Structure formats: structure tokens, C-alpha cells
Amino acid sequence: FLIQVHHVVPRGNVTILAQLTAGAFGTGWAFYVSNIAVTM
């Protein structure tokens, strides 16, 4: 649903989840915490 609403498309070296996270939290500490959680 979020991908459709925000028209997120694949980009080189940036995952869809990373783009959604950046759109929701920006690129601050919350962005890195979320991506580390995905890695775990």
C-alpha cells in the first residue's frame, strides 16, 4: 500500500524498504536503526 501511494520505484543500490524508511523518518538515526533492524 505504501509503495503504491508514494509511487516508490526501484533505484540502484537503494532498496524499496530503505526508500520507505527515509520517506517516513528522514535520514537521521531512526533511518539507520530501521535498516539495522532489517539486517538483523
PDB file of all heavy atoms in Angstrom:
ATOM      1  N   PHE A   1       0.832  -1.208   0.000  1.00  0.00           N
ATOM      2  CA  PHE A   1       0.000   0.000   0.000  1.00  0.00           C
ATOM      3  C   PHE A   1       0.865   1.256   0.000  1.00  0.00           C
ATOM      4  O   PHE A   1       0.620   2.209  -0.763  1.00  0.00           O
ATOM      5  CB  PHE A   1      -0.927  -0.021   1.216  1.00  0.00           C
ATOM      6  CG  PHE A   1      -1.730   1.235   1.384  1.00  0.00           C
ATOM      7  CD1 PHE A   1      -2.837   1.486   0.582  1.00  0.00           C
ATOM      8  CD2 PHE A   1      -1.368   2.185   2.339  1.00  0.00           C
ATOM      9  CE1 PHE A   1      -3.575   2.663   0.733  1.00  0.00           C
ATOM     10  CE2 PHE A   1      -2.095   3.348   2.500  1.00  0.00           C
ATOM     11  CZ  PHE A   1      -3.215   3.589   1.689  1.00  0.00           C
ATOM     12  N   LEU A   2       1.904   1.275   0.841  1.00  0.00           N
ATOM     13  CA  LEU A   2       2.789   2.446   0.906  1.00  0.00           C
ATOM     14  C   LEU A   2       3.535   2.643  -0.411  1.00  0.00           C
ATOM     15  O   LEU A   2       3.733   3.791  -0.862  1.00  0.00           O
ATOM     16  CB  LEU A   2       3.786   2.271   2.050  1.00  0.00           C
ATOM     17  CG  LEU A   2       3.209   2.328   3.474  1.00  0.00           C
ATOM     18  CD1 LEU A   2       4.297   2.019   4.503  1.00  0.00           C
ATOM     19  CD2 LEU A   2       2.601   3.708   3.746  1.00  0.00           C
ATOM     20  N   ILE A   3       3.956   1.549  -1.029  1.00  0.00           N
ATOM     21  CA  ILE A   3       4.660   1.652  -2.312  1.00  0.00           C
ATOM     22  C   ILE A   3       3.749   2.273  -3.369  1.00  0.00           C
ATOM     23  O   ILE A   3       4.167   3.142  -4.152  1.00  0.00           O
ATOM     24  CB  ILE A   3       5.150   0.263  -2.761  1.00  0.00           C
ATOM     25  CG1 ILE A   3       6.272  -0.231  -1.846  1.00  0.00           C
ATOM     26  CG2 ILE A   3       5.636   0.288  -4.206  1.00  0.00           C
ATOM     27  CD1 ILE A   3       6.697  -1.659  -2.112  1.00  0.00           C
ATOM     28  N   GLN A   4       2.480   1.846  -3.375  1.00  0.00           N
ATOM     29  CA  GLN A   4       1.547   2.365  -4.375  1.00  0.00           C
ATOM     30  C   GLN A   4       1.210   3.832  -4.107  1.00  0.00           C
ATOM     31  O   GLN A   4       1.184   4.650  -5.040  1.00  0.00           O
ATOM     32  CB  GLN A   4       0.264   1.530  -4.369  1.00  0.00           C
ATOM     33  CG  GLN A   4      -0.746   1.961  -5.429  1.00  0.00           C
ATOM     34  CD  GLN A   4      -1.993   1.109  -5.399  1.00  0.00           C
ATOM     35  OE1 GLN A   4      -2.286   0.481  -4.388  1.00  0.00           O
ATOM     36  NE2 GLN A   4      -2.733   1.080  -6.498  1.00  0.00           N
ATOM     37  N   VAL A   5       0.965   4.178  -2.848  1.00  0.00           N
ATOM     38  CA  VAL A   5       0.567   5.548  -2.510  1.00  0.00           C
ATOM     39  C   VAL A   5       1.686   6.535  -2.808  1.00  0.00           C
ATOM     40  O   VAL A   5       1.454   7.626  -3.352  1.00  0.00           O
ATOM     41  CB  VAL A   5       0.145   5.626  -1.032  1.00  0.00           C
ATOM     42  CG1 VAL A   5      -0.024   7.085  -0.595  1.00  0.00           C
ATOM     43  CG2 VAL A   5      -1.147   4.859  -0.814  1.00  0.00           C
ATOM     44  N   HIS A   6       2.915   6.167  -2.481  1.00  0.00           N
ATOM     45  CA  HIS A   6       4.052   7.089  -2.634  1.00  0.00           C
ATOM     46  C   HIS A   6       4.815   6.869  -3.936  1.00  0.00           C
ATOM     47  O   HIS A   6       5.854   7.512  -4.145  1.00  0.00           O
ATOM     48  CB  HIS A   6       4.998   6.944  -1.441  1.00  0.00           C
ATOM     49  CG  HIS A   6       4.375   7.310  -0.128  1.00  0.00           C
ATOM     50  ND1 HIS A   6       4.115   8.609   0.229  1.00  0.00           N
ATOM     51  CD2 HIS A   6       3.931   6.538   0.895  1.00  0.00           C
ATOM     52  CE1 HIS A   6       3.555   8.644   1.435  1.00  0.00           C
ATOM     53  NE2 HIS A   6       3.427   7.393   1.866  1.00  0.00           N
ATOM     54  N   HIS A   7       4.330   5.974  -4.804  1.00  0.00           N
ATOM     55  CA  HIS A   7       4.935   5.748  -6.126  1.00  0.00           C
ATOM     56  C   HIS A   7       6.441   5.446  -6.021  1.00  0.00           C
ATOM     57  O   HIS A   7       7.270   6.022  -6.731  1.00  0.00           O
ATOM     58  CB  HIS A   7       4.719   6.968  -7.032  1.00  0.00           C
ATOM     59  CG  HIS A   7       3.276   7.358  -7.159  1.00  0.00           C
ATOM     60  ND1 HIS A   7       2.356   6.622  -7.870  1.00  0.00           N
ATOM     61  CD2 HIS A   7       2.587   8.412  -6.623  1.00  0.00           C
ATOM     62  CE1 HIS A   7       1.165   7.200  -7.794  1.00  0.00           C
ATOM     63  NE2 HIS A   7       1.272   8.291  -7.036  1.00  0.00           N
ATOM     64  N   VAL A   8       6.772   4.544  -5.113  1.00  0.00           N
ATOM     65  CA  VAL A   8       8.172   4.160  -4.930  1.00  0.00           C
ATOM     66  C   VAL A   8       8.569   3.166  -6.024  1.00  0.00           C
ATOM     67  O   VAL A   8       7.847   2.203  -6.297  1.00  0.00           O
ATOM     68  CB  VAL A   8       8.384   3.520  -3.543  1.00  0.00           C
ATOM     69  CG1 VAL A   8       9.854   3.156  -3.346  1.00  0.00           C
ATOM     70  CG2 VAL A   8       7.921   4.473  -2.449  1.00  0.00           C
ATOM     71  N   VAL A   9       9.716   3.419  -6.650  1.00  0.00           N
ATOM     72  CA  VAL A   9      10.219   2.539  -7.712  1.00  0.00           C
ATOM     73  C   VAL A   9      11.648   2.129  -7.369  1.00  0.00           C
ATOM     74  O   VAL A   9      12.349   2.838  -6.634  1.00  0.00           O
ATOM     75  CB  VAL A   9      10.184   3.252  -9.084  1.00  0.00           C
ATOM     76  CG1 VAL A   9       8.755   3.557  -9.490  1.00  0.00           C
ATOM     77  CG2 VAL A   9      11.018   4.533  -9.054  1.00  0.00           C
ATOM     78  N   PRO A  10      12.108   0.995  -7.877  1.00  0.00           N
ATOM     79  CA  PRO A  10      13.479   0.550  -7.590  1.00  0.00           C
ATOM     80  C   PRO A  10      14.516   1.546  -8.096  1.00  0.00           C
ATOM     81  O   PRO A  10      14.369   2.139  -9.169  1.00  0.00           O
ATOM     82  CB  PRO A  10      13.578  -0.785  -8.347  1.00  0.00           C
ATOM     83  CG  PRO A  10      12.166  -1.229  -8.521  1.00  0.00           C
ATOM     84  CD  PRO A  10      11.358   0.013  -8.672  1.00  0.00           C
ATOM     85  N   ARG A  11      15.562   1.720  -7.297  1.00  0.00           N
ATOM     86  CA  ARG A  11      16.697   2.563  -7.689  1.00  0.00           C
ATOM     87  C   ARG A  11      17.979   1.808  -7.411  1.00  0.00           C
ATOM     88  O   ARG A  11      18.044   0.970  -6.514  1.00  0.00           O
ATOM     89  CB  ARG A  11      16.690   3.875  -6.910  1.00  0.00           C
ATOM     90  CG  ARG A  11      15.584   4.838  -7.346  1.00  0.00           C
ATOM     91  CD  ARG A  11      15.862   6.258  -6.827  1.00  0.00           C
ATOM     92  NE  ARG A  11      15.833   6.323  -5.385  1.00  0.00           N
ATOM     93  CZ  ARG A  11      16.682   7.035  -4.653  1.00  0.00           C
ATOM     94  NH1 ARG A  11      17.644   7.711  -5.250  1.00  0.00           N
ATOM     95  NH2 ARG A  11      16.588   7.060  -3.347  1.00  0.00           N
ATOM     96  N   GLY A  12      19.023   2.137  -8.146  1.00  0.00           N
ATOM     97  CA  GLY A  12      20.293   1.458  -7.967  1.00  0.00           C
ATOM     98  C   GLY A  12      20.849   1.624  -6.570  1.00  0.00           C
ATOM     99  O   GLY A  12      20.924   2.746  -6.056  1.00  0.00           O
ATOM    100  N   ASN A  13      21.244   0.524  -5.952  1.00  0.00           N
ATOM    101  CA  ASN A  13      21.909   0.494  -4.644  1.00  0.00           C
ATOM    102  C   ASN A  13      21.045   1.019  -3.500  1.00  0.00           C
ATOM    103  O   ASN A  13      21.558   1.291  -2.414  1.00  0.00           O
ATOM    104  CB  ASN A  13      23.220   1.290  -4.685  1.00  0.00           C
ATOM    105  CG  ASN A  13      24.206   0.720  -5.683  1.00  0.00           C
ATOM    106  OD1 ASN A  13      24.303  -0.499  -5.847  1.00  0.00           O
ATOM    107  ND2 ASN A  13      24.932   1.588  -6.373  1.00  0.00           N
ATOM    108  N   VAL A  14      19.733   1.201  -3.722  1.00  0.00           N
ATOM    109  CA  VAL A  14      18.829   1.634  -2.659  1.00  0.00           C
ATOM    110  C   VAL A  14      17.607   0.717  -2.693  1.00  0.00           C
ATOM    111  O   VAL A  14      16.890   0.670  -3.692  1.00  0.00           O
ATOM    112  CB  VAL A  14      18.384   3.106  -2.820  1.00  0.00           C
ATOM    113  CG1 VAL A  14      17.476   3.505  -1.653  1.00  0.00           C
ATOM    114  CG2 VAL A  14      19.592   4.027  -2.892  1.00  0.00           C
ATOM    115  N   THR A  15      17.371  -0.010  -1.606  1.00  0.00           N
ATOM    116  CA  THR A  15      16.242  -0.932  -1.583  1.00  0.00           C
ATOM    117  C   THR A  15      14.930  -0.175  -1.418  1.00  0.00           C
ATOM    118  O   THR A  15      14.901   0.982  -0.995  1.00  0.00           O
ATOM    119  CB  THR A  15      16.384  -1.938  -0.434  1.00  0.00           C
ATOM    120  OG1 THR A  15      16.312  -1.233   0.811  1.00  0.00           O
ATOM    121  CG2 THR A  15      17.718  -2.670  -0.510  1.00  0.00           C
ATOM    122  N   ILE A  16      13.831  -0.853  -1.754  1.00  0.00           N
ATOM    123  CA  ILE A  16      12.494  -0.265  -1.577  1.00  0.00           C
ATOM    124  C   ILE A  16      12.252   0.059  -0.109  1.00  0.00           C
ATOM    125  O   ILE A  16      11.722   1.125   0.230  1.00  0.00           O
ATOM    126  CB  ILE A  16      11.423  -1.245  -2.103  1.00  0.00           C
ATOM    127  CG1 ILE A  16      11.552  -1.431  -3.619  1.00  0.00           C
ATOM    128  CG2 ILE A  16      10.031  -0.758  -1.729  1.00  0.00           C
ATOM    129  CD1 ILE A  16      11.202  -0.199  -4.418  1.00  0.00           C
ATOM    130  N   LEU A  17      12.638  -0.870   0.785  1.00  0.00           N
ATOM    131  CA  LEU A  17      12.427  -0.634   2.213  1.00  0.00           C
ATOM    132  C   LEU A  17      13.213   0.576   2.698  1.00  0.00           C
ATOM    133  O   LEU A  17      12.740   1.345   3.537  1.00  0.00           O
ATOM    134  CB  LEU A  17      12.837  -1.884   3.013  1.00  0.00           C
ATOM    135  CG  LEU A  17      11.885  -3.083   2.946  1.00  0.00           C
ATOM    136  CD1 LEU A  17      12.432  -4.242   3.752  1.00  0.00           C
ATOM    137  CD2 LEU A  17      10.503  -2.684   3.478  1.00  0.00           C
ATOM    138  N   ALA A  18      14.432   0.746   2.190  1.00  0.00           N
ATOM    139  CA  ALA A  18      15.234   1.910   2.591  1.00  0.00           C
ATOM    140  C   ALA A  18      14.570   3.210   2.139  1.00  0.00           C
ATOM    141  O   ALA A  18      14.567   4.215   2.856  1.00  0.00           O
ATOM    142  CB  ALA A  18      16.642   1.799   2.019  1.00  0.00           C
ATOM    143  N   GLN A  19      13.993   3.206   0.929  1.00  0.00           N
ATOM    144  CA  GLN A  19      13.295   4.401   0.446  1.00  0.00           C
ATOM    145  C   GLN A  19      12.062   4.712   1.298  1.00  0.00           C
ATOM    146  O   GLN A  19      11.800   5.863   1.644  1.00  0.00           O
ATOM    147  CB  GLN A  19      12.889   4.207  -1.014  1.00  0.00           C
ATOM    148  CG  GLN A  19      14.063   4.085  -1.983  1.00  0.00           C
ATOM    149  CD  GLN A  19      13.591   3.945  -3.414  1.00  0.00           C
ATOM    150  OE1 GLN A  19      12.845   4.793  -3.925  1.00  0.00           O
ATOM    151  NE2 GLN A  19      14.021   2.879  -4.081  1.00  0.00           N
ATOM    152  N   LEU A  20      11.294   3.675   1.657  1.00  0.00           N
ATOM    153  CA  LEU A  20      10.122   3.883   2.502  1.00  0.00           C
ATOM    154  C   LEU A  20      10.528   4.406   3.878  1.00  0.00           C
ATOM    155  O   LEU A  20       9.873   5.292   4.443  1.00  0.00           O
ATOM    156  CB  LEU A  20       9.337   2.575   2.655  1.00  0.00           C
ATOM    157  CG  LEU A  20       8.618   2.062   1.408  1.00  0.00           C
ATOM    158  CD1 LEU A  20       7.991   0.699   1.682  1.00  0.00           C
ATOM    159  CD2 LEU A  20       7.541   3.054   0.963  1.00  0.00           C
ATOM    160  N   THR A  21      11.614   3.860   4.413  1.00  0.00           N
ATOM    161  CA  THR A  21      12.082   4.291   5.728  1.00  0.00           C
ATOM    162  C   THR A  21      12.539   5.747   5.686  1.00  0.00           C
ATOM    163  O   THR A  21      12.250   6.540   6.596  1.00  0.00           O
ATOM    164  CB  THR A  21      13.240   3.388   6.198  1.00  0.00           C
ATOM    165  OG1 THR A  21      12.819   2.030   6.166  1.00  0.00           O
ATOM    166  CG2 THR A  21      13.659   3.736   7.615  1.00  0.00           C
ATOM    167  N   ALA A  22      13.271   6.113   4.627  1.00  0.00           N
ATOM    168  CA  ALA A  22      13.731   7.500   4.501  1.00  0.00           C
ATOM    169  C   ALA A  22      12.545   8.450   4.362  1.00  0.00           C
ATOM    170  O   ALA A  22      12.551   9.561   4.920  1.00  0.00           O
ATOM    171  CB  ALA A  22      14.665   7.634   3.296  1.00  0.00           C
ATOM    172  N   GLY A  23      11.520   8.012   3.635  1.00  0.00           N
ATOM    173  CA  GLY A  23      10.341   8.859   3.494  1.00  0.00           C
ATOM    174  C   GLY A  23       9.587   9.037   4.801  1.00  0.00           C
ATOM    175  O   GLY A  23       8.967  10.083   5.045  1.00  0.00           O
ATOM    176  N   ALA A  24       9.636   8.022   5.668  1.00  0.00           N
ATOM    177  CA  ALA A  24       8.897   8.091   6.929  1.00  0.00           C
ATOM    178  C   ALA A  24       9.681   8.795   8.028  1.00  0.00           C
ATOM    179  O   ALA A  24       9.122   9.590   8.797  1.00  0.00           O
ATOM    180  CB  ALA A  24       8.535   6.679   7.384  1.00  0.00           C
ATOM    181  N   PHE A  25      10.995   8.535   8.129  1.00  0.00           N
ATOM    182  CA  PHE A  25      11.793   9.033   9.249  1.00  0.00           C
ATOM    183  C   PHE A  25      12.874  10.032   8.844  1.00  0.00           C
ATOM    184  O   PHE A  25      13.549  10.594   9.711  1.00  0.00           O
ATOM    185  CB  PHE A  25      12.469   7.865   9.984  1.00  0.00           C
ATOM    186  CG  PHE A  25      11.525   6.809  10.481  1.00  0.00           C
ATOM    187  CD1 PHE A  25      11.668   5.491  10.083  1.00  0.00           C
ATOM    188  CD2 PHE A  25      10.493   7.133  11.341  1.00  0.00           C
ATOM    189  CE1 PHE A  25      10.803   4.514  10.527  1.00  0.00           C
ATOM    190  CE2 PHE A  25       9.619   6.167  11.797  1.00  0.00           C
ATOM    191  CZ  PHE A  25       9.765   4.854  11.394  1.00  0.00           C
ATOM    192  N   GLY A  26      13.061  10.227   7.537  1.00  0.00           N
ATOM    193  CA  GLY A  26      14.215  11.021   7.116  1.00  0.00           C
ATOM    194  C   GLY A  26      15.460  10.157   7.127  1.00  0.00           C
ATOM    195  O   GLY A  26      15.382   8.925   7.180  1.00  0.00           O
ATOM    196  N   THR A  27      16.605  10.784   7.095  1.00  0.00           N
ATOM    197  CA  THR A  27      17.864  10.031   7.060  1.00  0.00           C
ATOM    198  C   THR A  27      18.635  10.173   8.360  1.00  0.00           C
ATOM    199  O   THR A  27      19.861  10.052   8.387  1.00  0.00           O
ATOM    200  CB  THR A  27      18.730  10.501   5.880  1.00  0.00           C
ATOM    201  OG1 THR A  27      18.927  11.922   5.990  1.00  0.00           O
ATOM    202  CG2 THR A  27      18.074  10.174   4.559  1.00  0.00           C
ATOM    203  N   GLY A  28      17.951  10.435   9.453  1.00  0.00           N
ATOM    204  CA  GLY A  28      18.595  10.550  10.760  1.00  0.00           C
ATOM    205  C   GLY A  28      18.802   9.201  11.413  1.00  0.00           C
ATOM    206  O   GLY A  28      18.864   8.162  10.751  1.00  0.00           O
ATOM    207  N   TRP A  29      18.894   9.218  12.767  1.00  0.00           N
ATOM    208  CA  TRP A  29      19.212   7.999  13.493  1.00  0.00           C
ATOM    209  C   TRP A  29      18.124   6.929  13.322  1.00  0.00           C
ATOM    210  O   TRP A  29      18.427   5.737  13.279  1.00  0.00           O
ATOM    211  CB  TRP A  29      19.413   8.311  14.975  1.00  0.00           C
ATOM    212  CG  TRP A  29      18.177   8.859  15.658  1.00  0.00           C
ATOM    213  CD1 TRP A  29      17.812  10.156  15.789  1.00  0.00           C
ATOM    214  CD2 TRP A  29      17.156   8.071  16.280  1.00  0.00           C
ATOM    215  NE1 TRP A  29      16.614  10.257  16.452  1.00  0.00           N
ATOM    216  CE2 TRP A  29      16.196   8.988  16.774  1.00  0.00           C
ATOM    217  CE3 TRP A  29      16.946   6.713  16.470  1.00  0.00           C
ATOM    218  CZ2 TRP A  29      15.051   8.570  17.440  1.00  0.00           C
ATOM    219  CZ3 TRP A  29      15.816   6.297  17.148  1.00  0.00           C
ATOM    220  CH2 TRP A  29      14.872   7.226  17.628  1.00  0.00           C
ATOM    221  N   ALA A  30      16.853   7.336  13.219  1.00  0.00           N
ATOM    222  CA  ALA A  30      15.765   6.368  13.063  1.00  0.00           C
ATOM    223  C   ALA A  30      15.914   5.579  11.762  1.00  0.00           C
ATOM    224  O   ALA A  30      15.564   4.395  11.691  1.00  0.00           O
ATOM    225  CB  ALA A  30      14.415   7.072  13.104  1.00  0.00           C
ATOM    226  N   PHE A  31      16.429   6.251  10.725  1.00  0.00           N
ATOM    227  CA  PHE A  31      16.655   5.584   9.441  1.00  0.00           C
ATOM    228  C   PHE A  31      17.654   4.444   9.603  1.00  0.00           C
ATOM    229  O   PHE A  31      17.437   3.323   9.114  1.00  0.00           O
ATOM    230  CB  PHE A  31      17.153   6.602   8.415  1.00  0.00           C
ATOM    231  CG  PHE A  31      17.604   5.995   7.111  1.00  0.00           C
ATOM    232  CD1 PHE A  31      16.686   5.653   6.131  1.00  0.00           C
ATOM    233  CD2 PHE A  31      18.957   5.778   6.866  1.00  0.00           C
ATOM    234  CE1 PHE A  31      17.097   5.100   4.937  1.00  0.00           C
ATOM    235  CE2 PHE A  31      19.374   5.221   5.675  1.00  0.00           C
ATOM    236  CZ  PHE A  31      18.444   4.882   4.695  1.00  0.00           C
ATOM    237  N   TYR A  32      18.754   4.712  10.307  1.00  0.00           N
ATOM    238  CA  TYR A  32      19.787   3.694  10.473  1.00  0.00           C
ATOM    239  C   TYR A  32      19.335   2.581  11.422  1.00  0.00           C
ATOM    240  O   TYR A  32      19.656   1.403  11.209  1.00  0.00           O
ATOM    241  CB  TYR A  32      21.079   4.341  10.975  1.00  0.00           C
ATOM    242  CG  TYR A  32      21.727   5.226   9.937  1.00  0.00           C
ATOM    243  CD1 TYR A  32      21.579   6.612   9.984  1.00  0.00           C
ATOM    244  CD2 TYR A  32      22.460   4.670   8.886  1.00  0.00           C
ATOM    245  CE1 TYR A  32      22.157   7.428   9.030  1.00  0.00           C
ATOM    246  CE2 TYR A  32      23.051   5.481   7.920  1.00  0.00           C
ATOM    247  CZ  TYR A  32      22.889   6.856   7.997  1.00  0.00           C
ATOM    248  OH  TYR A  32      23.453   7.660   7.045  1.00  0.00           O
ATOM    249  N   VAL A  33      18.592   2.935  12.460  1.00  0.00           N
ATOM    250  CA  VAL A  33      18.070   1.913  13.366  1.00  0.00           C
ATOM    251  C   VAL A  33      17.151   0.957  12.608  1.00  0.00           C
ATOM    252  O   VAL A  33      17.222  -0.273  12.767  1.00  0.00           O
ATOM    253  CB  VAL A  33      17.332   2.564  14.551  1.00  0.00           C
ATOM    254  CG1 VAL A  33      16.567   1.505  15.343  1.00  0.00           C
ATOM    255  CG2 VAL A  33      18.311   3.286  15.455  1.00  0.00           C
ATOM    256  N   SER A  34      16.276   1.502  11.765  1.00  0.00           N
ATOM    257  CA  SER A  34      15.353   0.669  10.997  1.00  0.00           C
ATOM    258  C   SER A  34      16.099  -0.256  10.043  1.00  0.00           C
ATOM    259  O   SER A  34      15.769  -1.444   9.923  1.00  0.00           O
ATOM    260  CB  SER A  34      14.373   1.551  10.214  1.00  0.00           C
ATOM    261  OG  SER A  34      13.606   2.339  11.089  1.00  0.00           O
ATOM    262  N   ASN A  35      17.100   0.267   9.369  1.00  0.00           N
ATOM    263  CA  ASN A  35      17.841  -0.567   8.420  1.00  0.00           C
ATOM    264  C   ASN A  35      18.686  -1.619   9.123  1.00  0.00           C
ATOM    265  O   ASN A  35      18.846  -2.736   8.610  1.00  0.00           O
ATOM    266  CB  ASN A  35      18.725   0.317   7.529  1.00  0.00           C
ATOM    267  CG  ASN A  35      17.932   0.982   6.416  1.00  0.00           C
ATOM    268  OD1 ASN A  35      17.684   0.402   5.373  1.00  0.00           O
ATOM    269  ND2 ASN A  35      17.508   2.220   6.660  1.00  0.00           N
ATOM    270  N   ILE A  36      19.227  -1.274  10.294  1.00  0.00           N
ATOM    271  CA  ILE A  36      19.954  -2.279  11.068  1.00  0.00           C
ATOM    272  C   ILE A  36      19.002  -3.383  11.522  1.00  0.00           C
ATOM    273  O   ILE A  36      19.346  -4.573  11.515  1.00  0.00           O
ATOM    274  CB  ILE A  36      20.655  -1.625  12.278  1.00  0.00           C
ATOM    275  CG1 ILE A  36      21.806  -0.732  11.793  1.00  0.00           C
ATOM    276  CG2 ILE A  36      21.183  -2.681  13.243  1.00  0.00           C
ATOM    277  CD1 ILE A  36      22.464   0.072  12.900  1.00  0.00           C
ATOM    278  N   ALA A  37      17.769  -2.990  11.898  1.00  0.00           N
ATOM    279  CA  ALA A  37      16.769  -3.988  12.291  1.00  0.00           C
ATOM    280  C   ALA A  37      16.449  -4.927  11.132  1.00  0.00           C
ATOM    281  O   ALA A  37      16.328  -6.148  11.310  1.00  0.00           O
ATOM    282  CB  ALA A  37      15.498  -3.292  12.774  1.00  0.00           C
ATOM    283  N   VAL A  38      16.321  -4.362   9.915  1.00  0.00           N
ATOM    284  CA  VAL A  38      16.071  -5.198   8.733  1.00  0.00           C
ATOM    285  C   VAL A  38      17.238  -6.159   8.507  1.00  0.00           C
ATOM    286  O   VAL A  38      17.047  -7.347   8.195  1.00  0.00           O
ATOM    287  CB  VAL A  38      15.845  -4.316   7.487  1.00  0.00           C
ATOM    288  CG1 VAL A  38      15.804  -5.172   6.223  1.00  0.00           C
ATOM    289  CG2 VAL A  38      14.560  -3.523   7.633  1.00  0.00           C
ATOM    290  N   THR A  39      18.471  -5.671   8.680  1.00  0.00           N
ATOM    291  CA  THR A  39      19.649  -6.521   8.518  1.00  0.00           C
ATOM    292  C   THR A  39      19.639  -7.671   9.515  1.00  0.00           C
ATOM    293  O   THR A  39      19.958  -8.822   9.180  1.00  0.00           O
ATOM    294  CB  THR A  39      20.930  -5.687   8.697  1.00  0.00           C
ATOM    295  OG1 THR A  39      20.937  -4.610   7.766  1.00  0.00           O
ATOM    296  CG2 THR A  39      22.167  -6.552   8.487  1.00  0.00           C
ATOM    297  N   MET A  40      19.255  -7.381  10.765  1.00  0.00           N
ATOM    298  CA  MET A  40      19.192  -8.426  11.786  1.00  0.00           C
ATOM    299  C   MET A  40      18.118  -9.458  11.454  1.00  0.00           C
ATOM    300  O   MET A  40      18.316 -10.664  11.654  1.00  0.00           O
ATOM    301  CB  MET A  40      18.920  -7.800  13.156  1.00  0.00           C
ATOM    302  CG  MET A  40      20.057  -6.929  13.671  1.00  0.00           C
ATOM    303  SD  MET A  40      19.667  -6.150  15.257  1.00  0.00           S
ATOM    304  CE  MET A  40      19.526  -7.599  16.304  1.00  0.00           C
TER     305      MET A  40
END
